[in-house]
Amino acid sequence: MENKRIDYIHSIRGIAIFFIVATHCNLFIESDSFLGKIWSEILREWTSVFLLISGFLFQHLLPRYEAKKFYLNKFKNVIAPYIIISIPAIALYMSGIKKDHNWVDIDSLMQHSWIYIIAFFYSTGAHLGPLWFIPMLSLIFLSSGFLHFLGKDKKRISYAALCSVIVILLTSRPAGDSNPIVSYIHFLPVYIFGMFIYDNRELLINKRALPLILLGALASFILRIYTDINPNLTIIAKIFVFLALCTFFINSKKNKVMVLLSWFANASFAIYFIHGYFVGFIRMKLQTITSFISGSGSVTGVVLDILLAFSIITLITAVIYAFRKSKINTRIIFGS
């Protein structure tokens, strides 16, 4: 099982980044239609799968954990690219080219000093939709000492995982993903549960457990579609999906689909950092294609979403691989 660790987790990372991009490309279908509701629910909370993967790998690498090396690695591979990639988006606001925002009063913000404005954007990720994730993830990185303490004892991590499920269900994402601290409180338990899965992988990732895992995923999904039950149940559903995908890929022979997913996974941080620019541009131009979309059915909207997400991911991946062939250090710029 351990020999395939990288392959099966890598494949899931590739799937997760596809659905994260597809979530932000979901511009062509009304969510109040039945198909729209199903599709929107499928797309929700793939960020949680990303965090499950991160927690899983943190626990795997726990014996080699050294705080100084850990923080240096995260700065080089996550924080530095975040700082660089954010510059154009922040410049668009500070230059007045972009004046609207989902939850920020830009006119009021621009009354402050440029230092305050830059600090605000970097500390919230508000300058580019998907980047809310990075300030929250940074807080998780800063908790690595505590996570190391939990992970060293199987009983401790088991109790923490149980508490994590409760916290996931009782807390919620902040409106507009506007508060990194609230997001941290909500998503840290998902990371911890990923650590728990690694410690109990022999029990949870196997064919015998698969029927129960699929039943849990399906039950959670149906409840979310047909009731107004706690929206955080979607995260629980994604935990089941993660376990099902682990079981599937660990029992699969390497094939072309897995190779493609591996390419996407290798460029996943670059895709995450950059795709917001593509989606933002498309949103600005959306009115010019409204006449085409308005006559489209729900199925067409889903297909357009998939095609757009796949196109953006493929383009970014191709650019990253082209840079790598040119011997350019893409990791410090793009995180991949």
C-alpha atoms as a PDB file:
ATOM      1  CA  MET A   1       0.000   0.000   0.000  1.00  0.00           C
ATOM      2  CA  GLU A   2       2.721   2.506   0.975  1.00  0.00           C
ATOM      3  CA  ASN A   3       4.491   2.117  -2.378  1.00  0.00           C
ATOM      4  CA  LYS A   4       1.474   3.636  -4.082  1.00  0.00           C
ATOM      5  CA  ARG A   5       1.054   6.463  -1.578  1.00  0.00           C
ATOM      6  CA  ILE A   6       2.256   9.239  -3.840  1.00  0.00           C
ATOM      7  CA  ASP A   7       0.268   7.983  -6.802  1.00  0.00           C
ATOM      8  CA  TYR A   8      -3.108   7.744  -5.151  1.00  0.00           C
ATOM      9  CA  ILE A   9      -2.855  10.973  -3.166  1.00  0.00           C
ATOM     10  CA  HIS A  10      -1.427  12.721  -6.218  1.00  0.00           C
ATOM     11  CA  SER A  11      -4.377  11.595  -8.341  1.00  0.00           C
ATOM     12  CA  ILE A  12      -6.840  12.928  -5.771  1.00  0.00           C
ATOM     13  CA  ARG A  13      -4.999  16.259  -5.673  1.00  0.00           C
ATOM     14  CA  GLY A  14      -5.454  16.457  -9.446  1.00  0.00           C
ATOM     15  CA  ILE A  15      -9.203  15.822  -9.107  1.00  0.00           C
ATOM     16  CA  ALA A  16      -9.515  18.342  -6.268  1.00  0.00           C
ATOM     17  CA  ILE A  17      -7.841  21.159  -8.207  1.00  0.00           C
ATOM     18  CA  PHE A  18     -10.086  20.467 -11.208  1.00  0.00           C
ATOM     19  CA  PHE A  19     -13.243  20.795  -9.126  1.00  0.00           C
ATOM     20  CA  ILE A  20     -11.943  23.877  -7.297  1.00  0.00           C
ATOM     21  CA  VAL A  21     -11.451  25.608 -10.647  1.00  0.00           C
ATOM     22  CA  ALA A  22     -14.810  24.285 -11.890  1.00  0.00           C
ATOM     23  CA  THR A  23     -16.452  25.813  -8.799  1.00  0.00           C
ATOM     24  CA  HIS A  24     -15.195  29.251  -9.779  1.00  0.00           C
ATOM     25  CA  CYS A  25     -16.148  28.641 -13.425  1.00  0.00           C
ATOM     26  CA  ASN A  26     -19.736  27.769 -12.500  1.00  0.00           C
ATOM     27  CA  LEU A  27     -21.143  30.814 -14.302  1.00  0.00           C
ATOM     28  CA  PHE A  28     -23.503  29.289 -16.823  1.00  0.00           C
ATOM     29  CA  ILE A  29     -26.213  27.504 -14.871  1.00  0.00           C
ATOM     30  CA  GLU A  30     -28.929  28.712 -12.506  1.00  0.00           C
ATOM     31  CA  SER A  31     -28.398  27.117  -9.100  1.00  0.00           C
ATOM     32  CA  ASP A  32     -32.155  27.061  -8.381  1.00  0.00           C
ATOM     33  CA  SER A  33     -32.814  24.504 -11.131  1.00  0.00           C
ATOM     34  CA  PHE A  34     -32.727  20.870 -10.024  1.00  0.00           C
ATOM     35  CA  LEU A  35     -29.645  20.037 -12.099  1.00  0.00           C
ATOM     36  CA  GLY A  36     -28.072  23.304 -11.002  1.00  0.00           C
ATOM     37  CA  LYS A  37     -28.617  22.361  -7.370  1.00  0.00           C
ATOM     38  CA  ILE A  38     -27.047  18.936  -7.904  1.00  0.00           C
ATOM     39  CA  TRP A  39     -24.083  20.388  -9.794  1.00  0.00           C
ATOM     40  CA  SER A  40     -23.520  23.123  -7.215  1.00  0.00           C
ATOM     41  CA  GLU A  41     -23.519  20.547  -4.413  1.00  0.00           C
ATOM     42  CA  ILE A  42     -21.014  18.377  -6.299  1.00  0.00           C
ATOM     43  CA  LEU A  43     -18.750  21.410  -6.657  1.00  0.00           C
ATOM     44  CA  ARG A  44     -18.921  22.549  -3.045  1.00  0.00           C
ATOM     45  CA  GLU A  45     -16.087  22.114  -0.529  1.00  0.00           C
ATOM     46  CA  TRP A  46     -13.331  20.612  -2.676  1.00  0.00           C
ATOM     47  CA  THR A  47     -11.100  22.932  -0.674  1.00  0.00           C
ATOM     48  CA  SER A  48     -11.771  20.502   2.174  1.00  0.00           C
ATOM     49  CA  VAL A  49     -10.330  17.673   0.080  1.00  0.00           C
ATOM     50  CA  PHE A  50      -7.200  19.788  -0.435  1.00  0.00           C
ATOM     51  CA  LEU A  51      -6.942  20.163   3.343  1.00  0.00           C
ATOM     52  CA  LEU A  52      -7.536  16.454   3.948  1.00  0.00           C
ATOM     53  CA  ILE A  53      -4.641  15.733   1.585  1.00  0.00           C
ATOM     54  CA  SER A  54      -2.432  18.265   3.390  1.00  0.00           C
ATOM     55  CA  GLY A  55      -3.243  16.802   6.800  1.00  0.00           C
ATOM     56  CA  PHE A  56      -2.736  13.261   5.506  1.00  0.00           C
ATOM     57  CA  LEU A  57       0.721  14.114   4.145  1.00  0.00           C
ATOM     58  CA  PHE A  58       1.666  16.117   7.251  1.00  0.00           C
ATOM     59  CA  GLN A  59       1.016  13.030   9.360  1.00  0.00           C
ATOM     60  CA  HIS A  60       2.968  10.847   6.923  1.00  0.00           C
ATOM     61  CA  LEU A  61       5.980  13.156   7.196  1.00  0.00           C
ATOM     62  CA  LEU A  62       5.614  13.683  10.957  1.00  0.00           C
ATOM     63  CA  PRO A  63       8.764  11.673  11.893  1.00  0.00           C
ATOM     64  CA  ARG A  64      10.812  14.089   9.776  1.00  0.00           C
ATOM     65  CA  TYR A  65       9.146  17.251  11.107  1.00  0.00           C
ATOM     66  CA  GLU A  66      11.503  20.080  12.019  1.00  0.00           C
ATOM     67  CA  ALA A  67       9.835  23.421  12.665  1.00  0.00           C
ATOM     68  CA  LYS A  68      12.516  25.573  11.027  1.00  0.00           C
ATOM     69  CA  LYS A  69      12.636  23.472   7.848  1.00  0.00           C
ATOM     70  CA  PHE A  70       8.839  23.247   7.751  1.00  0.00           C
ATOM     71  CA  TYR A  71       8.342  27.020   7.940  1.00  0.00           C
ATOM     72  CA  LEU A  72      11.104  27.719   5.423  1.00  0.00           C
ATOM     73  CA  ASN A  73       9.593  25.218   2.995  1.00  0.00           C
ATOM     74  CA  LYS A  74       6.120  26.723   3.336  1.00  0.00           C
ATOM     75  CA  PHE A  75       7.455  30.235   2.876  1.00  0.00           C
ATOM     76  CA  LYS A  76       9.285  29.272  -0.323  1.00  0.00           C
ATOM     77  CA  ASN A  77       6.487  27.173  -1.808  1.00  0.00           C
ATOM     78  CA  VAL A  78       3.346  28.975  -0.635  1.00  0.00           C
ATOM     79  CA  ILE A  79       3.893  32.411   0.915  1.00  0.00           C
ATOM     80  CA  ALA A  80       6.469  33.772  -1.556  1.00  0.00           C
ATOM     81  CA  PRO A  81       4.395  32.746  -4.621  1.00  0.00           C
ATOM     82  CA  TYR A  82       1.313  34.246  -2.940  1.00  0.00           C
ATOM     83  CA  ILE A  83       3.125  37.559  -2.480  1.00  0.00           C
ATOM     84  CA  ILE A  84       4.287  37.604  -6.113  1.00  0.00           C
ATOM     85  CA  ILE A  85       1.071  36.381  -7.752  1.00  0.00           C
ATOM     86  CA  SER A  86      -0.985  38.904  -5.753  1.00  0.00           C
ATOM     87  CA  ILE A  87       0.828  41.982  -7.091  1.00  0.00           C
ATOM     88  CA  PRO A  88      -1.192  42.454 -10.330  1.00  0.00           C
ATOM     89  CA  ALA A  89      -4.538  41.922  -8.566  1.00  0.00           C
ATOM     90  CA  ILE A  90      -3.708  44.426  -5.815  1.00  0.00           C
ATOM     91  CA  ALA A  91      -2.417  46.891  -8.419  1.00  0.00           C
ATOM     92  CA  LEU A  92      -5.760  46.721 -10.261  1.00  0.00           C
ATOM     93  CA  TYR A  93      -7.539  47.972  -7.152  1.00  0.00           C
ATOM     94  CA  MET A  94      -4.947  50.532  -6.092  1.00  0.00           C
ATOM     95  CA  SER A  95      -4.796  52.042  -9.585  1.00  0.00           C
ATOM     96  CA  GLY A  96      -8.580  52.388  -9.706  1.00  0.00           C
ATOM     97  CA  ILE A  97      -8.975  50.064 -12.692  1.00  0.00           C
ATOM     98  CA  LYS A  98     -11.096  47.692 -10.605  1.00  0.00           C
ATOM     99  CA  LYS A  99     -13.590  49.426  -8.330  1.00  0.00           C
ATOM    100  CA  ASP A 100     -16.127  46.787  -7.323  1.00  0.00           C
ATOM    101  CA  HIS A 101     -15.901  43.912  -4.851  1.00  0.00           C
ATOM    102  CA  ASN A 102     -18.262  41.319  -3.393  1.00  0.00           C
ATOM    103  CA  TRP A 103     -17.804  42.313   0.249  1.00  0.00           C
ATOM    104  CA  VAL A 104     -15.215  45.098   0.462  1.00  0.00           C
ATOM    105  CA  ASP A 105     -16.206  48.774   0.248  1.00  0.00           C
ATOM    106  CA  ILE A 106     -13.408  49.733  -2.134  1.00  0.00           C
ATOM    107  CA  ASP A 107     -14.094  53.496  -1.945  1.00  0.00           C
ATOM    108  CA  SER A 108     -13.790  53.377   1.832  1.00  0.00           C
ATOM    109  CA  LEU A 109     -10.700  51.151   1.705  1.00  0.00           C
ATOM    110  CA  MET A 110      -8.934  53.525  -0.666  1.00  0.00           C
ATOM    111  CA  GLN A 111      -9.207  56.310   1.917  1.00  0.00           C
ATOM    112  CA  HIS A 112      -6.537  54.544   3.965  1.00  0.00           C
ATOM    113  CA  SER A 113      -2.761  54.619   3.446  1.00  0.00           C
ATOM    114  CA  TRP A 114      -1.250  52.420   0.761  1.00  0.00           C
ATOM    115  CA  ILE A 115       0.485  50.375   3.478  1.00  0.00           C
ATOM    116  CA  TYR A 116      -2.870  49.653   5.132  1.00  0.00           C
ATOM    117  CA  ILE A 117      -4.471  48.738   1.789  1.00  0.00           C
ATOM    118  CA  ILE A 118      -1.693  46.327   0.832  1.00  0.00           C
ATOM    119  CA  ALA A 119      -1.669  44.781   4.324  1.00  0.00           C
ATOM    120  CA  PHE A 120      -5.457  44.379   4.179  1.00  0.00           C
ATOM    121  CA  PHE A 121      -5.365  42.562   0.853  1.00  0.00           C
ATOM    122  CA  TYR A 122      -2.490  40.278   1.786  1.00  0.00           C
ATOM    123  CA  SER A 123      -3.993  39.407   5.174  1.00  0.00           C
ATOM    124  CA  THR A 124      -7.428  38.548   3.746  1.00  0.00           C
ATOM    125  CA  GLY A 125      -6.758  37.419   0.158  1.00  0.00           C
ATOM    126  CA  ALA A 126      -9.644  39.682  -0.857  1.00  0.00           C
ATOM    127  CA  HIS A 127      -7.865  40.941  -3.978  1.00  0.00           C
ATOM    128  CA  LEU A 128      -8.490  37.703  -5.897  1.00  0.00           C
ATOM    129  CA  GLY A 129     -11.380  35.375  -5.036  1.00  0.00           C
ATOM    130  CA  PRO A 130      -9.600  32.014  -4.568  1.00  0.00           C
ATOM    131  CA  LEU A 131      -6.744  33.533  -2.562  1.00  0.00           C
ATOM    132  CA  TRP A 132      -8.800  33.760   0.656  1.00  0.00           C
ATOM    133  CA  PHE A 133      -7.434  30.252   1.214  1.00  0.00           C
ATOM    134  CA  ILE A 134      -3.796  31.315   1.662  1.00  0.00           C
ATOM    135  CA  PRO A 135      -4.077  33.517   4.793  1.00  0.00           C
ATOM    136  CA  MET A 136      -6.168  30.768   6.402  1.00  0.00           C
ATOM    137  CA  LEU A 137      -3.662  28.095   5.341  1.00  0.00           C
ATOM    138  CA  SER A 138      -0.848  30.223   6.753  1.00  0.00           C
ATOM    139  CA  LEU A 139      -2.537  30.099  10.162  1.00  0.00           C
ATOM    140  CA  ILE A 140      -2.653  26.304   9.883  1.00  0.00           C
ATOM    141  CA  PHE A 141       1.068  26.296   9.056  1.00  0.00           C
ATOM    142  CA  LEU A 142       1.699  28.397  12.175  1.00  0.00           C
ATOM    143  CA  SER A 143      -0.121  25.702  14.158  1.00  0.00           C
ATOM    144  CA  SER A 144       2.290  22.993  12.992  1.00  0.00           C
ATOM    145  CA  GLY A 145       3.875  22.648  16.444  1.00  0.00           C
ATOM    146  CA  PHE A 146       0.475  21.944  17.987  1.00  0.00           C
ATOM    147  CA  LEU A 147      -0.400  19.586  15.117  1.00  0.00           C
ATOM    148  CA  HIS A 148       2.909  17.778  15.630  1.00  0.00           C
ATOM    149  CA  PHE A 149       2.003  17.353  19.295  1.00  0.00           C
ATOM    150  CA  LEU A 150      -1.395  15.881  18.366  1.00  0.00           C
ATOM    151  CA  GLY A 151       0.015  13.627  15.674  1.00  0.00           C
ATOM    152  CA  LYS A 152       2.636  11.981  17.889  1.00  0.00           C
ATOM    153  CA  ASP A 153       0.004  10.125  19.899  1.00  0.00           C
ATOM    154  CA  LYS A 154      -2.608   7.959  18.164  1.00  0.00           C
ATOM    155  CA  LYS A 155      -5.085   8.335  21.017  1.00  0.00           C
ATOM    156  CA  ARG A 156      -4.694  12.123  21.011  1.00  0.00           C
ATOM    157  CA  ILE A 157      -5.284  12.403  17.274  1.00  0.00           C
ATOM    158  CA  SER A 158      -8.338  10.127  17.552  1.00  0.00           C
ATOM    159  CA  TYR A 159      -9.925  12.325  20.228  1.00  0.00           C
ATOM    160  CA  ALA A 160      -9.010  15.407  18.196  1.00  0.00           C
ATOM    161  CA  ALA A 161     -10.654  13.904  15.095  1.00  0.00           C
ATOM    162  CA  LEU A 162     -13.871  13.261  17.017  1.00  0.00           C
ATOM    163  CA  CYS A 163     -13.885  16.838  18.281  1.00  0.00           C
ATOM    164  CA  SER A 164     -13.090  18.003  14.751  1.00  0.00           C
ATOM    165  CA  VAL A 165     -16.312  16.552  13.348  1.00  0.00           C
ATOM    166  CA  ILE A 166     -18.287  18.442  15.993  1.00  0.00           C
ATOM    167  CA  VAL A 167     -16.452  21.714  15.273  1.00  0.00           C
ATOM    168  CA  ILE A 168     -16.968  21.290  11.512  1.00  0.00           C
ATOM    169  CA  LEU A 169     -20.725  20.904  12.016  1.00  0.00           C
ATOM    170  CA  LEU A 170     -21.083  23.714  14.576  1.00  0.00           C
ATOM    171  CA  THR A 171     -18.975  26.374  12.833  1.00  0.00           C
ATOM    172  CA  SER A 172     -19.264  27.887   9.380  1.00  0.00           C
ATOM    173  CA  ARG A 173     -17.284  29.672   6.722  1.00  0.00           C
ATOM    174  CA  PRO A 174     -17.408  33.467   7.025  1.00  0.00           C
ATOM    175  CA  ALA A 175     -19.589  35.269   4.484  1.00  0.00           C
ATOM    176  CA  GLY A 176     -17.565  35.830   1.334  1.00  0.00           C
ATOM    177  CA  ASP A 177     -14.627  33.993   2.932  1.00  0.00           C
ATOM    178  CA  SER A 178     -13.830  37.387   4.417  1.00  0.00           C
ATOM    179  CA  ASN A 179     -12.262  36.432   7.753  1.00  0.00           C
ATOM    180  CA  PRO A 180      -9.145  34.207   7.806  1.00  0.00           C
ATOM    181  CA  ILE A 181      -9.434  33.567  11.553  1.00  0.00           C
ATOM    182  CA  VAL A 182     -13.022  32.306  11.292  1.00  0.00           C
ATOM    183  CA  SER A 183     -12.022  30.219   8.259  1.00  0.00           C
ATOM    184  CA  TYR A 184      -9.105  28.823  10.258  1.00  0.00           C
ATOM    185  CA  ILE A 185     -11.372  27.748  13.127  1.00  0.00           C
ATOM    186  CA  HIS A 186     -13.715  26.090  10.628  1.00  0.00           C
ATOM    187  CA  PHE A 187     -11.120  24.352   8.445  1.00  0.00           C
ATOM    188  CA  LEU A 188      -8.354  23.388  10.893  1.00  0.00           C
ATOM    189  CA  PRO A 189     -10.497  20.396  12.006  1.00  0.00           C
ATOM    190  CA  VAL A 190     -10.580  19.180   8.391  1.00  0.00           C
ATOM    191  CA  TYR A 191      -6.767  19.206   8.316  1.00  0.00           C
ATOM    192  CA  ILE A 192      -6.700  17.311  11.626  1.00  0.00           C
ATOM    193  CA  PHE A 193      -9.126  14.745  10.251  1.00  0.00           C
ATOM    194  CA  GLY A 194      -6.757  14.202   7.316  1.00  0.00           C
ATOM    195  CA  MET A 195      -4.053  13.366   9.875  1.00  0.00           C
ATOM    196  CA  PHE A 196      -6.442  10.935  11.562  1.00  0.00           C
ATOM    197  CA  ILE A 197      -7.188   9.214   8.240  1.00  0.00           C
ATOM    198  CA  TYR A 198      -3.478   8.620   7.679  1.00  0.00           C
ATOM    199  CA  ASP A 199      -3.087   7.046  11.113  1.00  0.00           C
ATOM    200  CA  ASN A 200      -6.083   4.773  10.471  1.00  0.00           C
ATOM    201  CA  ARG A 201      -5.569   4.204   6.743  1.00  0.00           C
ATOM    202  CA  GLU A 202      -5.531   0.412   6.985  1.00  0.00           C
ATOM    203  CA  LEU A 203      -9.005   0.493   8.510  1.00  0.00           C
ATOM    204  CA  LEU A 204     -10.521   3.320   6.468  1.00  0.00           C
ATOM    205  CA  ILE A 205      -8.915   2.854   3.047  1.00  0.00           C
ATOM    206  CA  ASN A 206      -9.863  -0.660   2.005  1.00  0.00           C
ATOM    207  CA  LYS A 207     -12.438  -2.391  -0.166  1.00  0.00           C
ATOM    208  CA  ARG A 208     -14.354  -3.841   2.784  1.00  0.00           C
ATOM    209  CA  ALA A 209     -15.120  -0.367   4.112  1.00  0.00           C
ATOM    210  CA  LEU A 210     -16.034   1.000   0.672  1.00  0.00           C
ATOM    211  CA  PRO A 211     -19.791   0.140   0.716  1.00  0.00           C
ATOM    212  CA  LEU A 212     -20.259   2.005   4.012  1.00  0.00           C
ATOM    213  CA  ILE A 213     -18.151   4.920   2.752  1.00  0.00           C
ATOM    214  CA  LEU A 214     -20.202   5.215  -0.442  1.00  0.00           C
ATOM    215  CA  LEU A 215     -23.426   4.955   1.551  1.00  0.00           C
ATOM    216  CA  GLY A 216     -22.259   7.769   3.831  1.00  0.00           C
ATOM    217  CA  ALA A 217     -21.342   9.968   0.863  1.00  0.00           C
ATOM    218  CA  LEU A 218     -24.642   9.291  -0.909  1.00  0.00           C
ATOM    219  CA  ALA A 219     -26.752   9.838   2.221  1.00  0.00           C
ATOM    220  CA  SER A 220     -25.006  13.141   2.962  1.00  0.00           C
ATOM    221  CA  PHE A 221     -25.423  14.257  -0.651  1.00  0.00           C
ATOM    222  CA  ILE A 222     -29.143  13.402  -0.782  1.00  0.00           C
ATOM    223  CA  LEU A 223     -29.802  15.148   2.529  1.00  0.00           C
ATOM    224  CA  ARG A 224     -28.148  18.297   1.215  1.00  0.00           C
ATOM    225  CA  ILE A 225     -30.125  18.207  -2.043  1.00  0.00           C
ATOM    226  CA  TYR A 226     -33.563  17.608  -0.570  1.00  0.00           C
ATOM    227  CA  THR A 227     -33.391  19.371   2.807  1.00  0.00           C
ATOM    228  CA  ASP A 228     -32.121  22.588   4.359  1.00  0.00           C
ATOM    229  CA  ILE A 229     -29.968  20.619   6.758  1.00  0.00           C
ATOM    230  CA  ASN A 230     -26.628  21.980   7.973  1.00  0.00           C
ATOM    231  CA  PRO A 231     -24.580  23.018   4.880  1.00  0.00           C
ATOM    232  CA  ASN A 232     -21.436  21.804   6.643  1.00  0.00           C
ATOM    233  CA  LEU A 233     -22.674  18.290   5.996  1.00  0.00           C
ATOM    234  CA  THR A 234     -21.090  18.802   2.574  1.00  0.00           C
ATOM    235  CA  ILE A 235     -17.660  18.673   4.237  1.00  0.00           C
ATOM    236  CA  ILE A 236     -18.594  15.354   5.846  1.00  0.00           C
ATOM    237  CA  ALA A 237     -19.677  14.123   2.413  1.00  0.00           C
ATOM    238  CA  LYS A 238     -16.318  15.191   0.976  1.00  0.00           C
ATOM    239  CA  ILE A 239     -14.520  13.215   3.701  1.00  0.00           C
ATOM    240  CA  PHE A 240     -16.399  10.135   2.490  1.00  0.00           C
ATOM    241  CA  VAL A 241     -15.554  11.054  -1.123  1.00  0.00           C
ATOM    242  CA  PHE A 242     -11.876  11.391  -0.192  1.00  0.00           C
ATOM    243  CA  LEU A 243     -11.872   7.925   1.391  1.00  0.00           C
ATOM    244  CA  ALA A 244     -13.662   6.439  -1.627  1.00  0.00           C
ATOM    245  CA  LEU A 245     -11.166   8.021  -4.032  1.00  0.00           C
ATOM    246  CA  CYS A 246      -8.246   6.756  -1.935  1.00  0.00           C
ATOM    247  CA  THR A 247      -9.677   3.236  -2.074  1.00  0.00           C
ATOM    248  CA  PHE A 248     -10.306   3.462  -5.810  1.00  0.00           C
ATOM    249  CA  PHE A 249      -6.903   4.798  -6.816  1.00  0.00           C
ATOM    250  CA  ILE A 250      -4.872   2.598  -4.495  1.00  0.00           C
ATOM    251  CA  ASN A 251      -6.458  -0.426  -6.184  1.00  0.00           C
ATOM    252  CA  SER A 252      -6.050   0.939  -9.727  1.00  0.00           C
ATOM    253  CA  LYS A 253      -3.221   0.334 -12.144  1.00  0.00           C
ATOM    254  CA  LYS A 254      -1.549   3.428 -13.517  1.00  0.00           C
ATOM    255  CA  ASN A 255      -3.320   4.632 -16.656  1.00  0.00           C
ATOM    256  CA  LYS A 256      -3.589   7.691 -18.891  1.00  0.00           C
ATOM    257  CA  VAL A 257      -6.199   9.334 -16.670  1.00  0.00           C
ATOM    258  CA  MET A 258      -3.911   9.017 -13.646  1.00  0.00           C
ATOM    259  CA  VAL A 259      -1.012  10.434 -15.656  1.00  0.00           C
ATOM    260  CA  LEU A 260      -3.160  13.443 -16.620  1.00  0.00           C
ATOM    261  CA  LEU A 261      -4.253  13.916 -13.012  1.00  0.00           C
ATOM    262  CA  SER A 262      -0.603  13.722 -11.959  1.00  0.00           C
ATOM    263  CA  TRP A 263       0.252  16.558 -14.365  1.00  0.00           C
ATOM    264  CA  PHE A 264      -2.535  18.655 -12.892  1.00  0.00           C
ATOM    265  CA  ALA A 265      -1.413  17.760  -9.361  1.00  0.00           C
ATOM    266  CA  ASN A 266       2.188  18.765 -10.095  1.00  0.00           C
ATOM    267  CA  ALA A 267       0.943  22.198 -11.155  1.00  0.00           C
ATOM    268  CA  SER A 268      -1.853  22.371  -8.571  1.00  0.00           C
ATOM    269  CA  PHE A 269      -0.520  25.315  -6.570  1.00  0.00           C
ATOM    270  CA  ALA A 270       0.170  27.300  -9.735  1.00  0.00           C
ATOM    271  CA  ILE A 271      -3.333  26.480 -10.953  1.00  0.00           C
ATOM    272  CA  TYR A 272      -4.786  27.561  -7.618  1.00  0.00           C
ATOM    273  CA  PHE A 273      -2.821  30.818  -7.544  1.00  0.00           C
ATOM    274  CA  ILE A 274      -3.391  31.839 -11.166  1.00  0.00           C
ATOM    275  CA  HIS A 275      -6.828  30.592 -12.219  1.00  0.00           C
ATOM    276  CA  GLY A 276      -8.581  33.459 -10.436  1.00  0.00           C
ATOM    277  CA  TYR A 277      -7.189  35.874 -13.034  1.00  0.00           C
ATOM    278  CA  PHE A 278      -8.718  33.834 -15.860  1.00  0.00           C
ATOM    279  CA  VAL A 279     -12.065  33.499 -14.092  1.00  0.00           C
ATOM    280  CA  GLY A 280     -12.088  37.209 -13.208  1.00  0.00           C
ATOM    281  CA  PHE A 281     -11.508  38.148 -16.852  1.00  0.00           C
ATOM    282  CA  ILE A 282     -14.293  35.808 -17.973  1.00  0.00           C
ATOM    283  CA  ARG A 283     -16.683  37.291 -15.403  1.00  0.00           C
ATOM    284  CA  MET A 284     -15.979  40.783 -16.757  1.00  0.00           C
ATOM    285  CA  LYS A 285     -16.680  39.612 -20.306  1.00  0.00           C
ATOM    286  CA  LEU A 286     -19.680  37.497 -19.331  1.00  0.00           C
ATOM    287  CA  GLN A 287     -22.253  40.013 -20.545  1.00  0.00           C
ATOM    288  CA  THR A 288     -20.944  39.727 -24.088  1.00  0.00           C
ATOM    289  CA  ILE A 289     -21.803  36.037 -24.173  1.00  0.00           C
ATOM    290  CA  THR A 290     -25.038  36.232 -22.168  1.00  0.00           C
ATOM    291  CA  SER A 291     -27.135  36.000 -25.310  1.00  0.00           C
ATOM    292  CA  PHE A 292     -25.489  32.676 -26.132  1.00  0.00           C
ATOM    293  CA  ILE A 293     -25.841  31.316 -22.636  1.00  0.00           C
ATOM    294  CA  SER A 294     -29.411  32.462 -22.006  1.00  0.00           C
ATOM    295  CA  GLY A 295     -30.813  29.995 -24.482  1.00  0.00           C
ATOM    296  CA  SER A 296     -28.725  27.152 -23.120  1.00  0.00           C
ATOM    297  CA  GLY A 297     -30.203  24.404 -21.002  1.00  0.00           C
ATOM    298  CA  SER A 298     -28.872  23.271 -17.652  1.00  0.00           C
ATOM    299  CA  VAL A 299     -26.873  20.424 -19.199  1.00  0.00           C
ATOM    300  CA  THR A 300     -25.200  22.891 -21.544  1.00  0.00           C
ATOM    301  CA  GLY A 301     -24.265  25.042 -18.556  1.00  0.00           C
ATOM    302  CA  VAL A 302     -22.588  22.097 -16.827  1.00  0.00           C
ATOM    303  CA  VAL A 303     -20.726  21.175 -20.016  1.00  0.00           C
ATOM    304  CA  LEU A 304     -19.549  24.778 -20.455  1.00  0.00           C
ATOM    305  CA  ASP A 305     -18.316  24.811 -16.863  1.00  0.00           C
ATOM    306  CA  ILE A 306     -16.363  21.567 -17.327  1.00  0.00           C
ATOM    307  CA  LEU A 307     -14.866  22.685 -20.645  1.00  0.00           C
ATOM    308  CA  LEU A 308     -13.858  26.088 -19.280  1.00  0.00           C
ATOM    309  CA  ALA A 309     -12.270  24.599 -16.149  1.00  0.00           C
ATOM    310  CA  PHE A 310     -10.420  21.977 -18.177  1.00  0.00           C
ATOM    311  CA  SER A 311      -9.179  24.625 -20.639  1.00  0.00           C
ATOM    312  CA  ILE A 312      -7.878  26.922 -17.884  1.00  0.00           C
ATOM    313  CA  ILE A 313      -6.153  24.065 -16.052  1.00  0.00           C
ATOM    314  CA  THR A 314      -4.605  22.683 -19.241  1.00  0.00           C
ATOM    315  CA  LEU A 315      -3.319  26.115 -20.276  1.00  0.00           C
ATOM    316  CA  ILE A 316      -1.755  26.863 -16.882  1.00  0.00           C
ATOM    317  CA  THR A 317      -0.240  23.370 -16.668  1.00  0.00           C
ATOM    318  CA  ALA A 318       1.254  23.723 -20.161  1.00  0.00           C
ATOM    319  CA  VAL A 319       2.767  27.101 -19.259  1.00  0.00           C
ATOM    320  CA  ILE A 320       4.280  25.705 -16.043  1.00  0.00           C
ATOM    321  CA  TYR A 321       5.851  22.760 -17.863  1.00  0.00           C
ATOM    322  CA  ALA A 322       7.186  25.101 -20.571  1.00  0.00           C
ATOM    323  CA  PHE A 323       8.826  27.275 -17.898  1.00  0.00           C
ATOM    324  CA  ARG A 324      10.341  24.205 -16.274  1.00  0.00           C
ATOM    325  CA  LYS A 325      11.893  23.113 -19.558  1.00  0.00           C
ATOM    326  CA  SER A 326      13.469  26.569 -19.757  1.00  0.00           C
ATOM    327  CA  LYS A 327      15.122  25.867 -16.368  1.00  0.00           C
ATOM    328  CA  ILE A 328      13.153  28.707 -14.741  1.00  0.00           C
ATOM    329  CA  ASN A 329      12.410  28.201 -11.042  1.00  0.00           C
ATOM    330  CA  THR A 330       8.612  28.140 -11.236  1.00  0.00           C
ATOM    331  CA  ARG A 331       8.164  27.094  -7.607  1.00  0.00           C
ATOM    332  CA  ILE A 332       9.229  30.442  -6.147  1.00  0.00           C
ATOM    333  CA  ILE A 333       6.886  32.282  -8.561  1.00  0.00           C
ATOM    334  CA  PHE A 334       3.895  29.969  -8.940  1.00  0.00           C
ATOM    335  CA  GLY A 335       4.273  27.511  -6.070  1.00  0.00           C
ATOM    336  CA  SER A 336       4.621  24.554  -8.492  1.00  0.00           C
END
